[in-house]
Amino acid sequence: MSFLSVAATLAGCVTASPNAGSGPIQLSPKATKAFEEYKNGTGLSSPLVFAIAEDSSAWAWFYGGAGHGTGREHEYQAIQFCQTRTRPDVMCKIFAHGQHVVWNGPVCFTKLRTTK
């Protein structure tokens, strides 16, 4: 295999974020609802990064388009906003990139109640 074909193969790989959370997490009903809203989008642009506090007490997401920085900058912005909404002793971590959950560990969503 040539260097060029190896480079082309590696270019298609997605590496895990060093900012992704790990360990078991139970999303509260409000956090589950927020993640559903994030996945559904605002109609303005595509979701990029969803950050959540390790105890699911706070969350934040970043939407953007072309010219709005790099993936790591998006992560930083979502994490920083999440941190402003939780206690100082609780860390916010990346939960999802786009529509894909990147949290490293078991994830439990709380079933949302439907209204009739």
PDB file of N, CA and C in Angstrom:
ATOM      1  N   MET A   1       0.854  -1.170   0.000  1.00  0.00           N
ATOM      2  CA  MET A   1       0.000   0.000   0.000  1.00  0.00           C
ATOM      3  C   MET A   1       0.898   1.230   0.000  1.00  0.00           C
ATOM      4  N   SER A   2       0.604   2.182  -0.846  1.00  0.00           N
ATOM      5  CA  SER A   2       1.430   3.378  -0.948  1.00  0.00           C
ATOM      6  C   SER A   2       1.088   4.361   0.160  1.00  0.00           C
ATOM      7  N   PHE A   3       1.986   5.300   0.380  1.00  0.00           N
ATOM      8  CA  PHE A   3       1.771   6.348   1.372  1.00  0.00           C
ATOM      9  C   PHE A   3       0.521   7.138   1.049  1.00  0.00           C
ATOM     10  N   LEU A   4       0.287   7.430  -0.226  1.00  0.00           N
ATOM     11  CA  LEU A   4      -0.868   8.210  -0.633  1.00  0.00           C
ATOM     12  C   LEU A   4      -2.170   7.490  -0.300  1.00  0.00           C
ATOM     13  N   SER A   5      -2.240   6.194  -0.536  1.00  0.00           N
ATOM     14  CA  SER A   5      -3.478   5.466  -0.231  1.00  0.00           C
ATOM     15  C   SER A   5      -3.702   5.364   1.275  1.00  0.00           C
ATOM     16  N   VAL A   6      -2.625   5.239   2.058  1.00  0.00           N
ATOM     17  CA  VAL A   6      -2.758   5.227   3.514  1.00  0.00           C
ATOM     18  C   VAL A   6      -3.251   6.580   3.992  1.00  0.00           C
ATOM     19  N   ALA A   7      -2.692   7.656   3.460  1.00  0.00           N
ATOM     20  CA  ALA A   7      -3.109   9.001   3.846  1.00  0.00           C
ATOM     21  C   ALA A   7      -4.565   9.238   3.481  1.00  0.00           C
ATOM     22  N   ALA A   8      -4.974   8.773   2.313  1.00  0.00           N
ATOM     23  CA  ALA A   8      -6.367   8.938   1.889  1.00  0.00           C
ATOM     24  C   ALA A   8      -7.297   8.143   2.791  1.00  0.00           C
ATOM     25  N   THR A   9      -6.894   6.962   3.198  1.00  0.00           N
ATOM     26  CA  THR A   9      -7.705   6.139   4.091  1.00  0.00           C
ATOM     27  C   THR A   9      -7.830   6.804   5.455  1.00  0.00           C
ATOM     28  N   LEU A  10      -6.732   7.294   5.999  1.00  0.00           N
ATOM     29  CA  LEU A  10      -6.755   7.936   7.307  1.00  0.00           C
ATOM     30  C   LEU A  10      -7.536   9.233   7.295  1.00  0.00           C
ATOM     31  N   ALA A  11      -7.552   9.936   6.175  1.00  0.00           N
ATOM     32  CA  ALA A  11      -8.271  11.203   6.094  1.00  0.00           C
ATOM     33  C   ALA A  11      -9.763  11.003   6.298  1.00  0.00           C
ATOM     34  N   GLY A  12     -10.280   9.815   5.994  1.00  0.00           N
ATOM     35  CA  GLY A  12     -11.695   9.535   6.167  1.00  0.00           C
ATOM     36  C   GLY A  12     -12.062   9.095   7.574  1.00  0.00           C
ATOM     37  N   CYS A  13     -11.085   8.890   8.436  1.00  0.00           N
ATOM     38  CA  CYS A  13     -11.346   8.440   9.800  1.00  0.00           C
ATOM     39  C   CYS A  13     -11.776   9.609  10.672  1.00  0.00           C
ATOM     40  N   VAL A  14     -12.670   9.335  11.594  1.00  0.00           N
ATOM     41  CA  VAL A  14     -13.069  10.328  12.573  1.00  0.00           C
ATOM     42  C   VAL A  14     -12.460   9.915  13.895  1.00  0.00           C
ATOM     43  N   THR A  15     -11.689  10.798  14.478  1.00  0.00           N
ATOM     44  CA  THR A  15     -11.060  10.474  15.756  1.00  0.00           C
ATOM     45  C   THR A  15     -11.949  10.948  16.896  1.00  0.00           C
ATOM     46  N   ALA A  16     -11.910  10.243  17.995  1.00  0.00           N
ATOM     47  CA  ALA A  16     -12.700  10.616  19.166  1.00  0.00           C
ATOM     48  C   ALA A  16     -12.180  11.924  19.732  1.00  0.00           C
ATOM     49  N   SER A  17     -13.081  12.715  20.226  1.00  0.00           N
ATOM     50  CA  SER A  17     -12.707  13.982  20.821  1.00  0.00           C
ATOM     51  C   SER A  17     -12.083  13.757  22.188  1.00  0.00           C
ATOM     52  N   PRO A  18     -10.986  14.456  22.480  1.00  0.00           N
ATOM     53  CA  PRO A  18     -10.430  14.359  23.823  1.00  0.00           C
ATOM     54  C   PRO A  18     -11.339  15.029  24.862  1.00  0.00           C
ATOM     55  N   ASN A  19     -12.324  15.793  24.384  1.00  0.00           N
ATOM     56  CA  ASN A  19     -13.254  16.474  25.280  1.00  0.00           C
ATOM     57  C   ASN A  19     -14.540  15.697  25.510  1.00  0.00           C
ATOM     58  N   ALA A  20     -14.655  14.509  24.900  1.00  0.00           N
ATOM     59  CA  ALA A  20     -15.862  13.697  25.068  1.00  0.00           C
ATOM     60  C   ALA A  20     -15.940  13.169  26.494  1.00  0.00           C
ATOM     61  N   GLY A  21     -17.150  13.122  27.003  1.00  0.00           N
ATOM     62  CA  GLY A  21     -17.362  12.590  28.337  1.00  0.00           C
ATOM     63  C   GLY A  21     -17.209  11.081  28.356  1.00  0.00           C
ATOM     64  N   SER A  22     -17.066  10.542  29.561  1.00  0.00           N
ATOM     65  CA  SER A  22     -16.933   9.096  29.694  1.00  0.00           C
ATOM     66  C   SER A  22     -17.593   8.645  30.990  1.00  0.00           C
ATOM     67  N   GLY A  23     -17.893   7.357  31.025  1.00  0.00           N
ATOM     68  CA  GLY A  23     -18.551   6.789  32.188  1.00  0.00           C
ATOM     69  C   GLY A  23     -20.055   6.823  32.008  1.00  0.00           C
ATOM     70  N   PRO A  24     -20.772   6.188  32.915  1.00  0.00           N
ATOM     71  CA  PRO A  24     -22.221   6.156  32.792  1.00  0.00           C
ATOM     72  C   PRO A  24     -22.823   7.545  33.000  1.00  0.00           C
ATOM     73  N   ILE A  25     -23.875   7.839  32.232  1.00  0.00           N
ATOM     74  CA  ILE A  25     -24.593   9.101  32.408  1.00  0.00           C
ATOM     75  C   ILE A  25     -26.084   8.843  32.237  1.00  0.00           C
ATOM     76  N   GLN A  26     -26.860   9.442  33.135  1.00  0.00           N
ATOM     77  CA  GLN A  26     -28.326   9.372  33.092  1.00  0.00           C
ATOM     78  C   GLN A  26     -28.808  10.787  32.789  1.00  0.00           C
ATOM     79  N   LEU A  27     -29.401  10.980  31.628  1.00  0.00           N
ATOM     80  CA  LEU A  27     -29.909  12.298  31.283  1.00  0.00           C
ATOM     81  C   LEU A  27     -31.231  12.548  31.993  1.00  0.00           C
ATOM     82  N   SER A  28     -31.321  13.695  32.633  1.00  0.00           N
ATOM     83  CA  SER A  28     -32.565  14.090  33.291  1.00  0.00           C
ATOM     84  C   SER A  28     -33.637  14.321  32.225  1.00  0.00           C
ATOM     85  N   PRO A  29     -34.903  14.405  32.625  1.00  0.00           N
ATOM     86  CA  PRO A  29     -35.940  14.684  31.629  1.00  0.00           C
ATOM     87  C   PRO A  29     -35.675  15.981  30.858  1.00  0.00           C
ATOM     88  N   LYS A  30     -35.217  17.020  31.547  1.00  0.00           N
ATOM     89  CA  LYS A  30     -34.937  18.291  30.870  1.00  0.00           C
ATOM     90  C   LYS A  30     -33.757  18.162  29.914  1.00  0.00           C
ATOM     91  N   ALA A  31     -32.733  17.426  30.321  1.00  0.00           N
ATOM     92  CA  ALA A  31     -31.570  17.235  29.445  1.00  0.00           C
ATOM     93  C   ALA A  31     -31.946  16.385  28.233  1.00  0.00           C
ATOM     94  N   THR A  32     -32.790  15.368  28.444  1.00  0.00           N
ATOM     95  CA  THR A  32     -33.246  14.542  27.329  1.00  0.00           C
ATOM     96  C   THR A  32     -34.029  15.394  26.334  1.00  0.00           C
ATOM     97  N   LYS A  33     -34.906  16.251  26.847  1.00  0.00           N
ATOM     98  CA  LYS A  33     -35.682  17.134  25.974  1.00  0.00           C
ATOM     99  C   LYS A  33     -34.762  18.097  25.226  1.00  0.00           C
ATOM    100  N   ALA A  34     -33.773  18.646  25.919  1.00  0.00           N
ATOM    101  CA  ALA A  34     -32.832  19.569  25.277  1.00  0.00           C
ATOM    102  C   ALA A  34     -32.062  18.869  24.162  1.00  0.00           C
ATOM    103  N   PHE A  35     -31.651  17.616  24.394  1.00  0.00           N
ATOM    104  CA  PHE A  35     -30.917  16.891  23.362  1.00  0.00           C
ATOM    105  C   PHE A  35     -31.813  16.622  22.157  1.00  0.00           C
ATOM    106  N   GLU A  36     -33.081  16.312  22.394  1.00  0.00           N
ATOM    107  CA  GLU A  36     -34.024  16.127  21.281  1.00  0.00           C
ATOM    108  C   GLU A  36     -34.170  17.421  20.481  1.00  0.00           C
ATOM    109  N   GLU A  37     -34.263  18.552  21.179  1.00  0.00           N
ATOM    110  CA  GLU A  37     -34.359  19.853  20.495  1.00  0.00           C
ATOM    111  C   GLU A  37     -33.097  20.126  19.683  1.00  0.00           C
ATOM    112  N   TYR A  38     -31.949  19.821  20.257  1.00  0.00           N
ATOM    113  CA  TYR A  38     -30.673  19.984  19.556  1.00  0.00           C
ATOM    114  C   TYR A  38     -30.661  19.154  18.277  1.00  0.00           C
ATOM    115  N   LYS A  39     -31.048  17.884  18.383  1.00  0.00           N
ATOM    116  CA  LYS A  39     -31.023  17.005  17.208  1.00  0.00           C
ATOM    117  C   LYS A  39     -31.985  17.480  16.123  1.00  0.00           C
ATOM    118  N   ASN A  40     -33.119  18.053  16.528  1.00  0.00           N
ATOM    119  CA  ASN A  40     -34.106  18.520  15.553  1.00  0.00           C
ATOM    120  C   ASN A  40     -33.695  19.833  14.900  1.00  0.00           C
ATOM    121  N   GLY A  41     -32.786  20.563  15.516  1.00  0.00           N
ATOM    122  CA  GLY A  41     -32.281  21.796  14.929  1.00  0.00           C
ATOM    123  C   GLY A  41     -33.261  22.943  15.011  1.00  0.00           C
ATOM    124  N   THR A  42     -32.768  24.074  14.636  1.00  0.00           N
ATOM    125  CA  THR A  42     -33.574  25.289  14.665  1.00  0.00           C
ATOM    126  C   THR A  42     -34.075  25.662  13.287  1.00  0.00           C
ATOM    127  N   GLY A  43     -33.644  24.916  12.266  1.00  0.00           N
ATOM    128  CA  GLY A  43     -34.015  25.266  10.903  1.00  0.00           C
ATOM    129  C   GLY A  43     -33.049  26.259  10.286  1.00  0.00           C
ATOM    130  N   LEU A  44     -32.165  26.820  11.108  1.00  0.00           N
ATOM    131  CA  LEU A  44     -31.226  27.816  10.606  1.00  0.00           C
ATOM    132  C   LEU A  44     -29.922  27.197  10.128  1.00  0.00           C
ATOM    133  N   SER A  45     -29.486  26.177  10.820  1.00  0.00           N
ATOM    134  CA  SER A  45     -28.239  25.516  10.460  1.00  0.00           C
ATOM    135  C   SER A  45     -28.207  24.136  11.111  1.00  0.00           C
ATOM    136  N   SER A  46     -27.181  23.393  10.814  1.00  0.00           N
ATOM    137  CA  SER A  46     -27.057  22.037  11.355  1.00  0.00           C
ATOM    138  C   SER A  46     -26.421  22.056  12.735  1.00  0.00           C
ATOM    139  N   PRO A  47     -26.847  21.137  13.625  1.00  0.00           N
ATOM    140  CA  PRO A  47     -26.209  21.050  14.928  1.00  0.00           C
ATOM    141  C   PRO A  47     -24.779  20.567  14.790  1.00  0.00           C
ATOM    142  N   LEU A  48     -23.888  21.135  15.569  1.00  0.00           N
ATOM    143  CA  LEU A  48     -22.487  20.744  15.497  1.00  0.00           C
ATOM    144  C   LEU A  48     -22.012  20.027  16.748  1.00  0.00           C
ATOM    145  N   VAL A  49     -22.249  20.608  17.915  1.00  0.00           N
ATOM    146  CA  VAL A  49     -21.698  20.049  19.155  1.00  0.00           C
ATOM    147  C   VAL A  49     -22.689  20.252  20.297  1.00  0.00           C
ATOM    148  N   PHE A  50     -22.901  19.183  21.083  1.00  0.00           N
ATOM    149  CA  PHE A  50     -23.747  19.241  22.274  1.00  0.00           C
ATOM    150  C   PHE A  50     -22.876  18.880  23.469  1.00  0.00           C
ATOM    151  N   ALA A  51     -22.816  19.776  24.448  1.00  0.00           N
ATOM    152  CA  ALA A  51     -22.057  19.530  25.679  1.00  0.00           C
ATOM    153  C   ALA A  51     -23.045  19.373  26.828  1.00  0.00           C
ATOM    154  N   ILE A  52     -22.675  18.545  27.806  1.00  0.00           N
ATOM    155  CA  ILE A  52     -23.549  18.312  28.952  1.00  0.00           C
ATOM    156  C   ILE A  52     -22.701  18.179  30.213  1.00  0.00           C
ATOM    157  N   ALA A  53     -23.268  18.627  31.334  1.00  0.00           N
ATOM    158  CA  ALA A  53     -22.610  18.447  32.625  1.00  0.00           C
ATOM    159  C   ALA A  53     -22.639  16.967  32.979  1.00  0.00           C
ATOM    160  N   GLU A  54     -21.620  16.508  33.661  1.00  0.00           N
ATOM    161  CA  GLU A  54     -21.520  15.090  34.000  1.00  0.00           C
ATOM    162  C   GLU A  54     -22.685  14.593  34.849  1.00  0.00           C
ATOM    163  N   ASP A  55     -23.383  15.507  35.535  1.00  0.00           N
ATOM    164  CA  ASP A  55     -24.562  15.112  36.302  1.00  0.00           C
ATOM    165  C   ASP A  55     -25.857  15.471  35.573  1.00  0.00           C
ATOM    166  N   SER A  56     -25.752  15.902  34.329  1.00  0.00           N
ATOM    167  CA  SER A  56     -26.834  16.319  33.429  1.00  0.00           C
ATOM    168  C   SER A  56     -27.653  17.494  33.952  1.00  0.00           C
ATOM    169  N   SER A  57     -27.053  18.285  34.838  1.00  0.00           N
ATOM    170  CA  SER A  57     -27.749  19.448  35.388  1.00  0.00           C
ATOM    171  C   SER A  57     -27.729  20.648  34.441  1.00  0.00           C
ATOM    172  N   ALA A  58     -26.840  20.630  33.464  1.00  0.00           N
ATOM    173  CA  ALA A  58     -26.725  21.745  32.520  1.00  0.00           C
ATOM    174  C   ALA A  58     -26.254  21.204  31.178  1.00  0.00           C
ATOM    175  N   TRP A  59     -26.507  21.960  30.146  1.00  0.00           N
ATOM    176  CA  TRP A  59     -26.105  21.564  28.791  1.00  0.00           C
ATOM    177  C   TRP A  59     -26.040  22.815  27.941  1.00  0.00           C
ATOM    178  N   ALA A  60     -25.409  22.676  26.809  1.00  0.00           N
ATOM    179  CA  ALA A  60     -25.334  23.764  25.829  1.00  0.00           C
ATOM    180  C   ALA A  60     -24.976  23.152  24.501  1.00  0.00           C
ATOM    181  N   TRP A  61     -25.351  23.824  23.431  1.00  0.00           N
ATOM    182  CA  TRP A  61     -24.961  23.334  22.119  1.00  0.00           C
ATOM    183  C   TRP A  61     -24.517  24.469  21.250  1.00  0.00           C
ATOM    184  N   PHE A  62     -23.806  24.102  20.218  1.00  0.00           N
ATOM    185  CA  PHE A  62     -23.292  25.080  19.260  1.00  0.00           C
ATOM    186  C   PHE A  62     -23.762  24.695  17.877  1.00  0.00           C
ATOM    187  N   TYR A  63     -24.382  25.656  17.212  1.00  0.00           N
ATOM    188  CA  TYR A  63     -24.765  25.519  15.810  1.00  0.00           C
ATOM    189  C   TYR A  63     -23.867  26.448  15.028  1.00  0.00           C
ATOM    190  N   GLY A  64     -23.613  26.141  13.810  1.00  0.00           N
ATOM    191  CA  GLY A  64     -22.810  27.048  13.002  1.00  0.00           C
ATOM    192  C   GLY A  64     -22.792  26.622  11.567  1.00  0.00           C
ATOM    193  N   GLY A  65     -22.164  27.418  10.792  1.00  0.00           N
ATOM    194  CA  GLY A  65     -22.013  27.132   9.379  1.00  0.00           C
ATOM    195  C   GLY A  65     -20.589  27.407   8.962  1.00  0.00           C
ATOM    196  N   ALA A  66     -20.390  27.521   7.700  1.00  0.00           N
ATOM    197  CA  ALA A  66     -19.049  27.779   7.166  1.00  0.00           C
ATOM    198  C   ALA A  66     -18.502  29.075   7.758  1.00  0.00           C
ATOM    199  N   GLY A  67     -17.230  29.056   8.069  1.00  0.00           N
ATOM    200  CA  GLY A  67     -16.577  30.256   8.577  1.00  0.00           C
ATOM    201  C   GLY A  67     -16.751  30.500  10.059  1.00  0.00           C
ATOM    202  N   HIS A  68     -17.263  29.525  10.805  1.00  0.00           N
ATOM    203  CA  HIS A  68     -17.475  29.699  12.237  1.00  0.00           C
ATOM    204  C   HIS A  68     -16.454  28.944  13.075  1.00  0.00           C
ATOM    205  N   GLY A  69     -15.256  28.762  12.595  1.00  0.00           N
ATOM    206  CA  GLY A  69     -14.213  28.139  13.385  1.00  0.00           C
ATOM    207  C   GLY A  69     -14.074  26.654  13.131  1.00  0.00           C
ATOM    208  N   THR A  70     -13.224  26.036  13.942  1.00  0.00           N
ATOM    209  CA  THR A  70     -12.928  24.611  13.791  1.00  0.00           C
ATOM    210  C   THR A  70     -13.766  23.783  14.757  1.00  0.00           C
ATOM    211  N   GLY A  71     -13.709  22.475  14.594  1.00  0.00           N
ATOM    212  CA  GLY A  71     -14.430  21.576  15.487  1.00  0.00           C
ATOM    213  C   GLY A  71     -14.038  21.750  16.935  1.00  0.00           C
ATOM    214  N   ARG A  72     -12.748  21.902  17.212  1.00  0.00           N
ATOM    215  CA  ARG A  72     -12.289  22.075  18.596  1.00  0.00           C
ATOM    216  C   ARG A  72     -12.781  23.410  19.162  1.00  0.00           C
ATOM    217  N   GLU A  73     -12.852  24.446  18.323  1.00  0.00           N
ATOM    218  CA  GLU A  73     -13.389  25.732  18.789  1.00  0.00           C
ATOM    219  C   GLU A  73     -14.867  25.610  19.127  1.00  0.00           C
ATOM    220  N   HIS A  74     -15.613  24.840  18.326  1.00  0.00           N
ATOM    221  CA  HIS A  74     -17.033  24.613  18.600  1.00  0.00           C
ATOM    222  C   HIS A  74     -17.192  23.882  19.930  1.00  0.00           C
ATOM    223  N   GLU A  75     -16.363  22.873  20.147  1.00  0.00           N
ATOM    224  CA  GLU A  75     -16.397  22.131  21.412  1.00  0.00           C
ATOM    225  C   GLU A  75     -16.137  23.073  22.583  1.00  0.00           C
ATOM    226  N   TYR A  76     -15.105  23.886  22.451  1.00  0.00           N
ATOM    227  CA  TYR A  76     -14.736  24.813  23.527  1.00  0.00           C
ATOM    228  C   TYR A  76     -15.893  25.754  23.846  1.00  0.00           C
ATOM    229  N   GLN A  77     -16.534  26.290  22.809  1.00  0.00           N
ATOM    230  CA  GLN A  77     -17.641  27.227  23.028  1.00  0.00           C
ATOM    231  C   GLN A  77     -18.810  26.548  23.730  1.00  0.00           C
ATOM    232  N   ALA A  78     -19.167  25.341  23.296  1.00  0.00           N
ATOM    233  CA  ALA A  78     -20.276  24.623  23.928  1.00  0.00           C
ATOM    234  C   ALA A  78     -19.940  24.278  25.380  1.00  0.00           C
ATOM    235  N   ILE A  79     -18.718  23.807  25.622  1.00  0.00           N
ATOM    236  CA  ILE A  79     -18.301  23.454  26.989  1.00  0.00           C
ATOM    237  C   ILE A  79     -18.299  24.687  27.881  1.00  0.00           C
ATOM    238  N   GLN A  80     -17.752  25.791  27.390  1.00  0.00           N
ATOM    239  CA  GLN A  80     -17.688  27.004  28.206  1.00  0.00           C
ATOM    240  C   GLN A  80     -19.079  27.511  28.574  1.00  0.00           C
ATOM    241  N   PHE A  81     -19.998  27.498  27.624  1.00  0.00           N
ATOM    242  CA  PHE A  81     -21.355  27.951  27.928  1.00  0.00           C
ATOM    243  C   PHE A  81     -22.026  27.007  28.922  1.00  0.00           C
ATOM    244  N   CYS A  82     -21.837  25.719  28.741  1.00  0.00           N
ATOM    245  CA  CYS A  82     -22.383  24.732  29.677  1.00  0.00           C
ATOM    246  C   CYS A  82     -21.833  24.974  31.082  1.00  0.00           C
ATOM    247  N   GLN A  83     -20.534  25.228  31.193  1.00  0.00           N
ATOM    248  CA  GLN A  83     -19.902  25.451  32.503  1.00  0.00           C
ATOM    249  C   GLN A  83     -20.500  26.642  33.228  1.00  0.00           C
ATOM    250  N   THR A  84     -20.958  27.655  32.491  1.00  0.00           N
ATOM    251  CA  THR A  84     -21.561  28.827  33.144  1.00  0.00           C
ATOM    252  C   THR A  84     -22.915  28.500  33.744  1.00  0.00           C
ATOM    253  N   ARG A  85     -23.475  27.347  33.390  1.00  0.00           N
ATOM    254  CA  ARG A  85     -24.820  26.985  33.826  1.00  0.00           C
ATOM    255  C   ARG A  85     -24.836  25.884  34.884  1.00  0.00           C
ATOM    256  N   THR A  86     -23.672  25.453  35.347  1.00  0.00           N
ATOM    257  CA  THR A  86     -23.615  24.386  36.340  1.00  0.00           C
ATOM    258  C   THR A  86     -22.700  24.791  37.492  1.00  0.00           C
ATOM    259  N   ARG A  87     -22.645  23.952  38.498  1.00  0.00           N
ATOM    260  CA  ARG A  87     -21.781  24.228  39.653  1.00  0.00           C
ATOM    261  C   ARG A  87     -20.303  24.126  39.240  1.00  0.00           C
ATOM    262  N   PRO A  88     -19.428  24.851  39.910  1.00  0.00           N
ATOM    263  CA  PRO A  88     -17.999  24.813  39.560  1.00  0.00           C
ATOM    264  C   PRO A  88     -17.350  23.436  39.713  1.00  0.00           C
ATOM    265  N   ASP A  89     -17.892  22.588  40.592  1.00  0.00           N
ATOM    266  CA  ASP A  89     -17.294  21.267  40.818  1.00  0.00           C
ATOM    267  C   ASP A  89     -17.807  20.203  39.846  1.00  0.00           C
ATOM    268  N   VAL A  90     -18.683  20.570  38.920  1.00  0.00           N
ATOM    269  CA  VAL A  90     -19.221  19.639  37.933  1.00  0.00           C
ATOM    270  C   VAL A  90     -18.690  20.036  36.560  1.00  0.00           C
ATOM    271  N   MET A  91     -18.053  19.087  35.896  1.00  0.00           N
ATOM    272  CA  MET A  91     -17.459  19.366  34.591  1.00  0.00           C
ATOM    273  C   MET A  91     -18.457  19.109  33.460  1.00  0.00           C
ATOM    274  N   CYS A  92     -18.378  19.963  32.433  1.00  0.00           N
ATOM    275  CA  CYS A  92     -19.140  19.741  31.213  1.00  0.00           C
ATOM    276  C   CYS A  92     -18.222  19.061  30.199  1.00  0.00           C
ATOM    277  N   LYS A  93     -18.791  18.134  29.465  1.00  0.00           N
ATOM    278  CA  LYS A  93     -18.053  17.364  28.460  1.00  0.00           C
ATOM    279  C   LYS A  93     -18.873  17.285  27.183  1.00  0.00           C
ATOM    280  N   ILE A  94     -18.215  16.916  26.096  1.00  0.00           N
ATOM    281  CA  ILE A  94     -18.912  16.764  24.823  1.00  0.00           C
ATOM    282  C   ILE A  94     -19.739  15.478  24.853  1.00  0.00           C
ATOM    283  N   PHE A  95     -21.001  15.612  24.489  1.00  0.00           N
ATOM    284  CA  PHE A  95     -21.922  14.484  24.445  1.00  0.00           C
ATOM    285  C   PHE A  95     -22.172  14.023  23.010  1.00  0.00           C
ATOM    286  N   ALA A  96     -22.257  14.976  22.082  1.00  0.00           N
ATOM    287  CA  ALA A  96     -22.558  14.613  20.695  1.00  0.00           C
ATOM    288  C   ALA A  96     -21.894  15.567  19.717  1.00  0.00           C
ATOM    289  N   HIS A  97     -21.556  15.008  18.573  1.00  0.00           N
ATOM    290  CA  HIS A  97     -21.107  15.769  17.397  1.00  0.00           C
ATOM    291  C   HIS A  97     -22.171  15.536  16.336  1.00  0.00           C
ATOM    292  N   GLY A  98     -22.771  16.598  15.863  1.00  0.00           N
ATOM    293  CA  GLY A  98     -23.848  16.429  14.904  1.00  0.00           C
ATOM    294  C   GLY A  98     -24.924  15.546  15.511  1.00  0.00           C
ATOM    295  N   GLN A  99     -25.347  14.533  14.794  1.00  0.00           N
ATOM    296  CA  GLN A  99     -26.391  13.626  15.263  1.00  0.00           C
ATOM    297  C   GLN A  99     -25.836  12.422  16.026  1.00  0.00           C
ATOM    298  N   HIS A 100     -24.524  12.356  16.192  1.00  0.00           N
ATOM    299  CA  HIS A 100     -23.892  11.165  16.764  1.00  0.00           C
ATOM    300  C   HIS A 100     -23.432  11.383  18.202  1.00  0.00           C
ATOM    301  N   VAL A 101     -23.908  10.518  19.095  1.00  0.00           N
ATOM    302  CA  VAL A 101     -23.460  10.550  20.488  1.00  0.00           C
ATOM    303  C   VAL A 101     -22.023  10.042  20.533  1.00  0.00           C
ATOM    304  N   VAL A 102     -21.137  10.808  21.162  1.00  0.00           N
ATOM    305  CA  VAL A 102     -19.725  10.430  21.264  1.00  0.00           C
ATOM    306  C   VAL A 102     -19.317  10.149  22.707  1.00  0.00           C
ATOM    307  N   TRP A 103     -20.268  10.216  23.616  1.00  0.00           N
ATOM    308  CA  TRP A 103     -19.997   9.932  25.031  1.00  0.00           C
ATOM    309  C   TRP A 103     -19.474   8.508  25.144  1.00  0.00           C
ATOM    310  N   ASN A 104     -18.388   8.313  25.871  1.00  0.00           N
ATOM    311  CA  ASN A 104     -17.766   6.996  26.029  1.00  0.00           C
ATOM    312  C   ASN A 104     -18.271   6.328  27.299  1.00  0.00           C
ATOM    313  N   GLY A 105     -19.344   5.608  27.190  1.00  0.00           N
ATOM    314  CA  GLY A 105     -19.916   4.921  28.339  1.00  0.00           C
ATOM    315  C   GLY A 105     -21.401   4.732  28.140  1.00  0.00           C
ATOM    316  N   PRO A 106     -22.033   4.026  29.063  1.00  0.00           N
ATOM    317  CA  PRO A 106     -23.466   3.813  28.946  1.00  0.00           C
ATOM    318  C   PRO A 106     -24.232   5.126  29.094  1.00  0.00           C
ATOM    319  N   VAL A 107     -25.210   5.318  28.219  1.00  0.00           N
ATOM    320  CA  VAL A 107     -26.042   6.521  28.232  1.00  0.00           C
ATOM    321  C   VAL A 107     -27.492   6.093  28.431  1.00  0.00           C
ATOM    322  N   CYS A 108     -28.143   6.675  29.417  1.00  0.00           N
ATOM    323  CA  CYS A 108     -29.564   6.402  29.661  1.00  0.00           C
ATOM    324  C   CYS A 108     -30.356   7.692  29.477  1.00  0.00           C
ATOM    325  N   PHE A 109     -31.302   7.637  28.555  1.00  0.00           N
ATOM    326  CA  PHE A 109     -32.200   8.776  28.336  1.00  0.00           C
ATOM    327  C   PHE A 109     -33.456   8.556  29.175  1.00  0.00           C
ATOM    328  N   THR A 110     -33.966   9.616  29.743  1.00  0.00           N
ATOM    329  CA  THR A 110     -35.214   9.530  30.480  1.00  0.00           C
ATOM    330  C   THR A 110     -36.348   9.602  29.482  1.00  0.00           C
ATOM    331  N   LYS A 111     -37.291   8.676  29.613  1.00  0.00           N
ATOM    332  CA  LYS A 111     -38.441   8.669  28.704  1.00  0.00           C
ATOM    333  C   LYS A 111     -39.258   9.921  28.946  1.00  0.00           C
ATOM    334  N   LEU A 112     -39.532  10.635  27.869  1.00  0.00           N
ATOM    335  CA  LEU A 112     -40.310  11.856  27.972  1.00  0.00           C
ATOM    336  C   LEU A 112     -41.788  11.528  27.990  1.00  0.00           C
ATOM    337  N   ARG A 113     -42.517  12.248  28.803  1.00  0.00           N
ATOM    338  CA  ARG A 113     -43.958  12.067  28.864  1.00  0.00           C
ATOM    339  C   ARG A 113     -44.586  12.761  27.668  1.00  0.00           C
ATOM    340  N   THR A 114     -45.550  12.122  27.082  1.00  0.00           N
ATOM    341  CA  THR A 114     -46.268  12.736  25.977  1.00  0.00           C
ATOM    342  C   THR A 114     -47.577  13.296  26.498  1.00  0.00           C
ATOM    343  N   THR A 115     -47.951  14.440  25.968  1.00  0.00           N
ATOM    344  CA  THR A 115     -49.211  15.061  26.375  1.00  0.00           C
ATOM    345  C   THR A 115     -50.284  14.702  25.376  1.00  0.00           C
ATOM    346  N   LYS A 116     -51.463  14.510  25.882  1.00  0.00           N
ATOM    347  CA  LYS A 116     -52.596  14.159  25.014  1.00  0.00           C
ATOM    348  C   LYS A 116     -53.619  15.247  24.999  1.00  0.00           C
TER     349      LYS A 116
END
